[in-house]
Protein backbone atom coordinates (compact mmCIF):
# COMPACT_ATOMS: atom_id res chain seq x y z
CA MET A 1 33.21 -43.55 11.32
CA LYS A 2 30.36 -41.80 12.98
CA ALA A 3 29.36 -41.96 16.64
CA GLY A 4 26.66 -44.52 17.44
CA GLU A 5 27.07 -46.44 14.15
CA VAL A 6 25.85 -50.05 14.52
CA ILE A 7 28.40 -52.51 13.21
CA LYS A 8 26.83 -55.85 14.10
CA SER A 9 24.17 -57.41 16.28
CA PHE A 10 23.90 -61.03 17.40
CA LYS A 11 22.66 -63.34 20.13
CA ALA A 12 25.24 -64.43 22.70
CA ARG A 13 25.32 -68.03 23.93
CA ASP A 14 23.31 -67.01 26.99
CA GLY A 15 20.53 -65.70 24.73
CA CYS A 16 21.08 -61.98 25.30
CA HIS A 17 20.91 -59.67 22.28
CA VAL A 18 24.23 -57.85 21.75
CA VAL A 19 24.81 -54.77 19.63
CA LEU A 20 28.35 -53.85 18.61
CA ARG A 21 28.58 -50.18 17.68
CA THR A 22 30.74 -47.13 17.89
CA PRO A 23 30.36 -45.11 21.10
CA ARG A 24 28.29 -41.95 21.33
CA TRP A 25 28.16 -39.04 23.76
CA GLU A 26 25.08 -40.53 25.47
CA ASP A 27 27.25 -43.48 26.62
CA LEU A 28 29.19 -41.30 29.07
CA ASP A 29 27.54 -42.57 32.27
CA ASP A 30 27.57 -46.20 31.09
CA LEU A 31 31.24 -45.98 30.13
CA LEU A 32 32.13 -44.40 33.47
CA ASP A 33 30.20 -47.09 35.34
CA PHE A 34 31.81 -49.76 33.12
CA ILE A 35 35.44 -48.77 33.74
CA ASN A 36 34.84 -48.26 37.45
CA SER A 37 33.16 -51.68 37.70
CA LEU A 38 36.38 -53.21 36.32
CA VAL A 39 38.43 -51.29 38.89
CA ASP A 40 36.08 -52.45 41.70
CA GLU A 41 36.37 -56.02 40.46
CA LYS A 42 40.17 -55.73 40.39
CA ALA A 43 40.01 -57.04 36.84
CA ASP A 44 43.23 -57.73 34.99
CA ILE A 45 43.56 -54.22 33.54
CA ALA A 46 46.36 -51.73 34.11
CA ARG A 47 44.06 -49.21 35.83
CA ALA A 48 43.87 -49.58 39.60
CA GLU A 49 42.08 -46.32 40.51
CA LYS A 50 38.53 -45.27 39.75
CA VAL A 51 37.96 -42.74 36.99
CA SER A 52 36.34 -39.38 37.76
CA ARG A 53 33.47 -38.08 35.67
CA GLU A 54 35.69 -35.22 34.48
CA ALA A 55 38.39 -37.65 33.33
CA GLU A 56 35.80 -39.79 31.53
CA ILE A 57 34.41 -36.68 29.81
CA GLU A 58 37.93 -35.89 28.57
CA TRP A 59 38.49 -39.47 27.43
CA LEU A 60 35.15 -39.75 25.60
CA THR A 61 35.60 -36.34 23.95
CA GLU A 62 38.98 -37.43 22.61
CA ALA A 63 37.71 -40.91 21.65
CA LEU A 64 34.82 -39.49 19.63
CA ASP A 65 37.15 -36.99 17.96
CA GLN A 66 39.63 -39.76 17.05
CA LEU A 67 36.78 -41.93 15.75
CA GLU A 68 35.48 -39.12 13.54
CA ARG A 69 39.01 -38.52 12.13
CA ASP A 70 39.56 -42.29 11.58
CA GLU A 71 42.60 -42.22 13.88
CA THR A 72 41.29 -44.78 16.37
CA PHE A 73 38.46 -47.26 15.99
CA HIS A 74 36.36 -47.47 19.15
CA MET A 75 33.61 -50.05 19.56
CA VAL A 76 31.30 -50.81 22.47
CA ALA A 77 29.14 -53.86 23.19
CA GLU A 78 25.63 -53.04 24.35
CA VAL A 79 23.08 -55.33 26.02
CA ASN A 80 19.62 -54.08 26.97
CA GLY A 81 20.66 -50.50 26.20
CA LYS A 82 23.67 -50.65 28.55
CA VAL A 83 27.37 -50.67 27.61
CA ILE A 84 28.91 -53.94 28.82
CA GLY A 85 32.13 -53.93 26.79
CA ASN A 86 34.60 -51.51 25.27
CA SER A 87 37.35 -51.94 22.70
CA GLU A 88 39.63 -50.06 20.37
CA ILE A 89 42.24 -50.32 17.68
CA ARG A 90 44.79 -47.51 17.82
CA ARG A 91 46.84 -47.03 14.69
CA TRP A 92 50.55 -46.48 15.10
CA ARG A 93 50.72 -43.79 12.43
CA ARG A 94 54.35 -42.88 12.89
CA GLY A 95 56.85 -43.55 10.13
CA TYR A 96 57.61 -47.20 9.60
CA GLU A 97 54.90 -48.41 12.01
CA ARG A 98 51.79 -47.09 10.29
CA HIS A 99 50.68 -50.63 9.30
CA VAL A 100 50.46 -51.70 12.97
CA GLY A 101 47.41 -51.47 15.20
CA PHE A 102 47.23 -51.82 18.98
CA VAL A 103 44.12 -53.66 20.23
CA GLY A 104 42.40 -53.31 23.59
CA VAL A 105 39.22 -55.12 24.75
CA ALA A 106 37.40 -55.35 28.08
CA LEU A 107 34.07 -56.87 29.15
CA ARG A 108 31.99 -56.31 32.24
CA ASN A 109 31.80 -59.16 34.74
CA GLY A 110 28.72 -61.30 34.07
CA PHE A 111 29.06 -61.01 30.27
CA ARG A 112 32.17 -63.13 29.80
CA ASP A 113 32.28 -66.70 28.48
CA VAL A 114 29.20 -66.28 26.26
CA GLY A 115 30.92 -65.34 22.97
CA ILE A 116 30.79 -61.55 23.22
CA GLY A 117 34.56 -61.11 23.56
CA THR A 118 35.21 -63.41 20.61
CA ALA A 119 32.66 -61.53 18.47
CA MET A 120 34.27 -58.23 19.45
CA MET A 121 37.74 -59.50 18.53
CA LYS A 122 36.56 -60.86 15.16
CA THR A 123 34.86 -57.54 14.40
CA LEU A 124 38.01 -55.60 15.33
CA ILE A 125 40.07 -57.86 13.07
CA GLU A 126 37.64 -57.30 10.16
CA TYR A 127 37.89 -53.55 10.67
CA ALA A 128 41.69 -53.72 10.82
CA LYS A 129 41.85 -55.60 7.53
CA LYS A 130 39.54 -53.09 5.83
CA SER A 131 41.67 -50.20 7.09
CA GLY A 132 44.87 -51.62 5.68
CA LEU A 133 46.52 -52.72 8.90
CA ILE A 134 48.85 -55.70 8.58
CA VAL A 135 49.93 -56.34 12.18
CA LEU A 136 47.79 -56.29 15.32
CA VAL A 137 49.37 -56.21 18.77
CA LEU A 138 47.83 -56.53 22.22
CA GLN A 139 49.07 -56.85 25.77
CA VAL A 140 47.50 -58.95 28.48
CA PHE A 141 48.14 -59.93 32.08
CA ALA A 142 49.74 -63.40 32.11
CA THR A 143 47.14 -64.40 34.71
CA ASN A 144 44.21 -63.56 32.41
CA GLU A 145 43.82 -67.05 30.98
CA ARG A 146 40.26 -66.40 29.77
CA ALA A 147 41.36 -63.46 27.60
CA ILE A 148 44.46 -65.29 26.34
CA HIS A 149 42.23 -68.17 25.24
CA VAL A 150 39.98 -65.78 23.26
CA TYR A 151 42.98 -64.08 21.64
CA GLU A 152 44.51 -67.41 20.63
CA LYS A 153 41.14 -68.59 19.28
CA VAL A 154 41.08 -65.65 16.82
CA GLY A 155 44.68 -66.18 15.74
CA PHE A 156 46.91 -64.17 18.06
CA VAL A 157 50.17 -65.77 19.17
CA LYS A 158 52.40 -64.96 22.12
CA THR A 159 55.38 -62.98 20.90
CA GLY A 160 56.91 -61.57 24.06
CA THR A 161 56.83 -61.20 27.81
CA ILE A 162 57.74 -58.41 30.18
CA PRO A 163 58.50 -60.15 33.48
CA LYS A 164 56.96 -58.63 36.60
CA LYS A 165 55.35 -55.75 34.67
CA PHE A 166 52.50 -55.44 37.17
CA PHE A 167 52.42 -55.55 40.95
CA LYS A 168 48.88 -56.45 41.99
CA ASP A 169 47.55 -57.79 45.28
CA GLY A 170 51.04 -58.37 46.65
CA GLN A 171 52.41 -60.30 43.69
CA PHE A 172 54.26 -59.57 40.48
CA ILE A 173 52.51 -60.51 37.24
CA ASP A 174 54.10 -60.77 33.80
CA GLU A 175 52.67 -58.97 30.80
CA ILE A 176 52.32 -61.00 27.62
CA THR A 177 52.45 -59.39 24.20
CA MET A 178 50.41 -61.15 21.53
CA THR A 179 50.48 -60.49 17.80
CA LYS A 180 48.36 -61.37 14.77
CA ILE A 181 49.55 -60.95 11.20
CA LEU A 182 46.54 -60.21 9.00
CA GLU A 183 46.12 -62.16 5.78
């Protein structure tokens, strides 16, 4: 896919107009602000430290390269010209696992619970089917009930747990693995 390619646009339940598209170089500052807003929020993501501009440049350079080579599908959600969500499907292209994709999704605080995450997941699943993937896998903090609900709504089921995978705010949190077999 090409950078900046619009995949879908829709109105969220709160009335805001959402564009789902592939990222582009011009998203650098938005993406940096986005990931660091999740860190500041102490969102249920594995990253606990802010990202430097240099690190984000490296990440976006690699992401755009992978997108162009069809190795990883990256998709952002944009509202009012600002990136408010980021997602990806990474293909496990090694040997006997090349039919498996690993999914990751995150939304900025203030844009959750209005259907954007569900739309992103459904769009990722459509892309996965078109690209020949058969199994999708994701991992989520056991405390992230909102995300688990969205994943279950689009057909993911819990298939495993790593007890005490994370240590956050003085407590251990399990990691749940969820899987969807594509029809």
